[in-house]
Amino acid sequence: MYGLSKDVDLAFLKGKELHQVCTGANEVILHFDDYIAITIMSECDYKSKIGEIVRIERYPTSSSLICQLLGSSITEAQGKDDGTLVLEFANGDALTLYDDSKEYESYQIKHGEQLIVV
């Protein structure tokens, strides 16, 4: 909806461990260290360390895949010009979030009082 600003600094995500995955009817919320939360309302891809990619379109039936990231820390967070956010984890897996709607929010990143809406 809003895109990901080119000057956004995502360094605060590095090293943060995923503690909780909360699933709703239309979203999944990832809770990390230091009051960081990422709410995903768009489709995303889960890439395993062996290279298998699974498209997650419906969170109530597919969010258990994301639970494999519990206890793992973010090693790399990369934003792209099209609003895509790629999160790589210490366990070798990765999560790619897409800015796939011009009308609705695709994901949010909350860090303390800072809120990044895409």
C-alpha atoms as a PDB file:
ATOM      1  CA  MET A   1       0.000   0.000   0.000  1.00  0.00           C
ATOM      2  CA  TYR A   2       2.628   2.524   1.065  1.00  0.00           C
ATOM      3  CA  GLY A   3       5.738   0.731  -0.131  1.00  0.00           C
ATOM      4  CA  LEU A   4       8.931   0.365   1.850  1.00  0.00           C
ATOM      5  CA  SER A   5      10.915   3.580   2.097  1.00  0.00           C
ATOM      6  CA  LYS A   6      14.328   3.373   0.412  1.00  0.00           C
ATOM      7  CA  ASP A   7      15.961   5.017   3.407  1.00  0.00           C
ATOM      8  CA  VAL A   8      14.447   2.711   6.041  1.00  0.00           C
ATOM      9  CA  ASP A   9      17.096   1.264   8.356  1.00  0.00           C
ATOM     10  CA  LEU A  10      16.234  -2.344   9.180  1.00  0.00           C
ATOM     11  CA  ALA A  11      19.417  -2.984  11.180  1.00  0.00           C
ATOM     12  CA  PHE A  12      17.369  -3.137  14.398  1.00  0.00           C
ATOM     13  CA  LEU A  13      15.955  -6.491  13.197  1.00  0.00           C
ATOM     14  CA  LYS A  14      19.325  -8.247  13.047  1.00  0.00           C
ATOM     15  CA  GLY A  15      19.950 -10.608  15.910  1.00  0.00           C
ATOM     16  CA  LYS A  16      16.354 -10.542  17.135  1.00  0.00           C
ATOM     17  CA  GLU A  17      14.971 -13.919  18.148  1.00  0.00           C
ATOM     18  CA  LEU A  18      11.459 -15.017  17.233  1.00  0.00           C
ATOM     19  CA  HIS A  19       9.569 -15.841  20.434  1.00  0.00           C
ATOM     20  CA  GLN A  20       5.948 -16.145  19.358  1.00  0.00           C
ATOM     21  CA  VAL A  21       3.802 -16.706  16.247  1.00  0.00           C
ATOM     22  CA  CYS A  22       0.169 -15.573  16.575  1.00  0.00           C
ATOM     23  CA  THR A  23      -2.275 -16.608  13.864  1.00  0.00           C
ATOM     24  CA  GLY A  24      -5.500 -14.819  12.953  1.00  0.00           C
ATOM     25  CA  ALA A  25      -8.024 -15.372  10.202  1.00  0.00           C
ATOM     26  CA  ASN A  26      -6.271 -12.966   7.819  1.00  0.00           C
ATOM     27  CA  GLU A  27      -2.856 -12.328   9.335  1.00  0.00           C
ATOM     28  CA  VAL A  28       0.033 -13.719  11.314  1.00  0.00           C
ATOM     29  CA  ILE A  29       1.978 -11.739  13.917  1.00  0.00           C
ATOM     30  CA  LEU A  30       5.608 -12.505  14.689  1.00  0.00           C
ATOM     31  CA  HIS A  31       6.876 -11.359  18.114  1.00  0.00           C
ATOM     32  CA  PHE A  32      10.620 -10.855  18.571  1.00  0.00           C
ATOM     33  CA  ASP A  33      12.992  -9.581  21.275  1.00  0.00           C
ATOM     34  CA  ASP A  34      12.912  -5.916  22.294  1.00  0.00           C
ATOM     35  CA  TYR A  35       9.202  -5.338  21.628  1.00  0.00           C
ATOM     36  CA  ILE A  36       9.513  -5.926  17.897  1.00  0.00           C
ATOM     37  CA  ALA A  37       6.477  -7.311  16.089  1.00  0.00           C
ATOM     38  CA  ILE A  38       5.859  -7.949  12.413  1.00  0.00           C
ATOM     39  CA  THR A  39       2.239  -8.312  11.303  1.00  0.00           C
ATOM     40  CA  ILE A  40       1.843  -9.987   7.913  1.00  0.00           C
ATOM     41  CA  MET A  41      -1.420  -9.541   5.997  1.00  0.00           C
ATOM     42  CA  SER A  42      -0.102 -10.425   2.536  1.00  0.00           C
ATOM     43  CA  GLU A  43       1.107 -13.606   0.944  1.00  0.00           C
ATOM     44  CA  CYS A  44       4.635 -14.617   1.793  1.00  0.00           C
ATOM     45  CA  ASP A  45       7.154 -17.276   0.851  1.00  0.00           C
ATOM     46  CA  TYR A  46       8.846 -19.613   3.292  1.00  0.00           C
ATOM     47  CA  LYS A  47      12.190 -20.883   2.026  1.00  0.00           C
ATOM     48  CA  SER A  48      13.809 -23.796   3.826  1.00  0.00           C
ATOM     49  CA  LYS A  49      17.554 -24.143   4.197  1.00  0.00           C
ATOM     50  CA  ILE A  50      17.492 -26.838   1.495  1.00  0.00           C
ATOM     51  CA  GLY A  51      15.941 -24.369  -0.966  1.00  0.00           C
ATOM     52  CA  GLU A  52      12.328 -25.544  -0.973  1.00  0.00           C
ATOM     53  CA  ILE A  53       9.940 -22.573  -1.288  1.00  0.00           C
ATOM     54  CA  VAL A  54       6.347 -22.705  -0.052  1.00  0.00           C
ATOM     55  CA  ARG A  55       3.886 -19.893  -0.818  1.00  0.00           C
ATOM     56  CA  ILE A  56       1.761 -19.084   2.221  1.00  0.00           C
ATOM     57  CA  GLU A  57      -1.606 -17.695   1.148  1.00  0.00           C
ATOM     58  CA  ARG A  58      -3.896 -18.706   4.034  1.00  0.00           C
ATOM     59  CA  TYR A  59      -2.493 -18.253   7.516  1.00  0.00           C
ATOM     60  CA  PRO A  60      -4.910 -20.432   9.512  1.00  0.00           C
ATOM     61  CA  THR A  61      -3.838 -23.496   7.533  1.00  0.00           C
ATOM     62  CA  SER A  62      -0.172 -22.657   6.823  1.00  0.00           C
ATOM     63  CA  SER A  63       1.218 -20.662   9.732  1.00  0.00           C
ATOM     64  CA  SER A  64       2.554 -23.806  11.403  1.00  0.00           C
ATOM     65  CA  LEU A  65       5.329 -23.701   8.806  1.00  0.00           C
ATOM     66  CA  ILE A  66       6.421 -20.311  10.176  1.00  0.00           C
ATOM     67  CA  CYS A  67       6.570 -21.856  13.664  1.00  0.00           C
ATOM     68  CA  GLN A  68       9.741 -23.644  12.536  1.00  0.00           C
ATOM     69  CA  LEU A  69      11.430 -20.249  12.974  1.00  0.00           C
ATOM     70  CA  LEU A  70      10.649 -20.102  16.704  1.00  0.00           C
ATOM     71  CA  GLY A  71      13.841 -19.651  18.705  1.00  0.00           C
ATOM     72  CA  SER A  72      15.805 -18.589  15.624  1.00  0.00           C
ATOM     73  CA  SER A  73      17.279 -15.099  15.174  1.00  0.00           C
ATOM     74  CA  ILE A  74      17.215 -12.835  12.135  1.00  0.00           C
ATOM     75  CA  THR A  75      20.638 -12.741  10.490  1.00  0.00           C
ATOM     76  CA  GLU A  76      19.703 -10.480   7.567  1.00  0.00           C
ATOM     77  CA  ALA A  77      16.824  -8.118   6.823  1.00  0.00           C
ATOM     78  CA  GLN A  78      16.690  -6.688   3.327  1.00  0.00           C
ATOM     79  CA  GLY A  79      14.073  -4.347   1.893  1.00  0.00           C
ATOM     80  CA  LYS A  80      13.610  -4.063  -1.852  1.00  0.00           C
ATOM     81  CA  ASP A  81      12.296  -1.210  -4.004  1.00  0.00           C
ATOM     82  CA  ASP A  82       9.012  -3.007  -4.722  1.00  0.00           C
ATOM     83  CA  GLY A  83       8.222  -3.266  -0.986  1.00  0.00           C
ATOM     84  CA  THR A  84       9.403  -6.848  -0.610  1.00  0.00           C
ATOM     85  CA  LEU A  85      11.068  -7.669   2.707  1.00  0.00           C
ATOM     86  CA  VAL A  86      13.389 -10.665   2.978  1.00  0.00           C
ATOM     87  CA  LEU A  87      14.194 -11.996   6.448  1.00  0.00           C
ATOM     88  CA  GLU A  88      16.946 -14.610   6.729  1.00  0.00           C
ATOM     89  CA  PHE A  89      17.200 -16.640   9.935  1.00  0.00           C
ATOM     90  CA  ALA A  90      20.030 -18.342  11.799  1.00  0.00           C
ATOM     91  CA  ASN A  91      18.501 -21.777  11.173  1.00  0.00           C
ATOM     92  CA  GLY A  92      19.075 -21.259   7.415  1.00  0.00           C
ATOM     93  CA  ASP A  93      15.434 -20.606   6.511  1.00  0.00           C
ATOM     94  CA  ALA A  94      14.049 -17.347   5.093  1.00  0.00           C
ATOM     95  CA  LEU A  95      10.743 -15.537   4.960  1.00  0.00           C
ATOM     96  CA  THR A  96       9.860 -13.193   2.080  1.00  0.00           C
ATOM     97  CA  LEU A  97       7.026 -10.718   2.650  1.00  0.00           C
ATOM     98  CA  TYR A  98       5.383  -9.057  -0.342  1.00  0.00           C
ATOM     99  CA  ASP A  99       3.768  -5.658  -0.768  1.00  0.00           C
ATOM    100  CA  ASP A 100       1.054  -7.215  -2.913  1.00  0.00           C
ATOM    101  CA  SER A 101      -1.857  -4.788  -2.505  1.00  0.00           C
ATOM    102  CA  LYS A 102      -2.305  -1.233  -3.700  1.00  0.00           C
ATOM    103  CA  GLU A 103      -5.439  -0.833  -1.558  1.00  0.00           C
ATOM    104  CA  TYR A 104      -4.586  -2.530   1.733  1.00  0.00           C
ATOM    105  CA  GLU A 105      -1.665  -2.874   4.093  1.00  0.00           C
ATOM    106  CA  SER A 106       0.591  -5.827   3.334  1.00  0.00           C
ATOM    107  CA  TYR A 107       2.682  -5.882   6.501  1.00  0.00           C
ATOM    108  CA  GLN A 108       3.688  -3.749   9.471  1.00  0.00           C
ATOM    109  CA  ILE A 109       6.863  -3.629  11.502  1.00  0.00           C
ATOM    110  CA  LYS A 110       6.544  -2.280  15.034  1.00  0.00           C
ATOM    111  CA  HIS A 111       9.688  -1.452  17.003  1.00  0.00           C
ATOM    112  CA  GLY A 112       8.849   0.260  20.273  1.00  0.00           C
ATOM    113  CA  GLU A 113       7.058   3.452  19.246  1.00  0.00           C
ATOM    114  CA  GLN A 114       8.194   3.225  15.608  1.00  0.00           C
ATOM    115  CA  LEU A 115       5.669   1.806  13.133  1.00  0.00           C
ATOM    116  CA  ILE A 116       6.560   0.995   9.527  1.00  0.00           C
ATOM    117  CA  VAL A 117       3.463   0.309   7.394  1.00  0.00           C
ATOM    118  CA  VAL A 118       3.806  -1.262   3.953  1.00  0.00           C
END
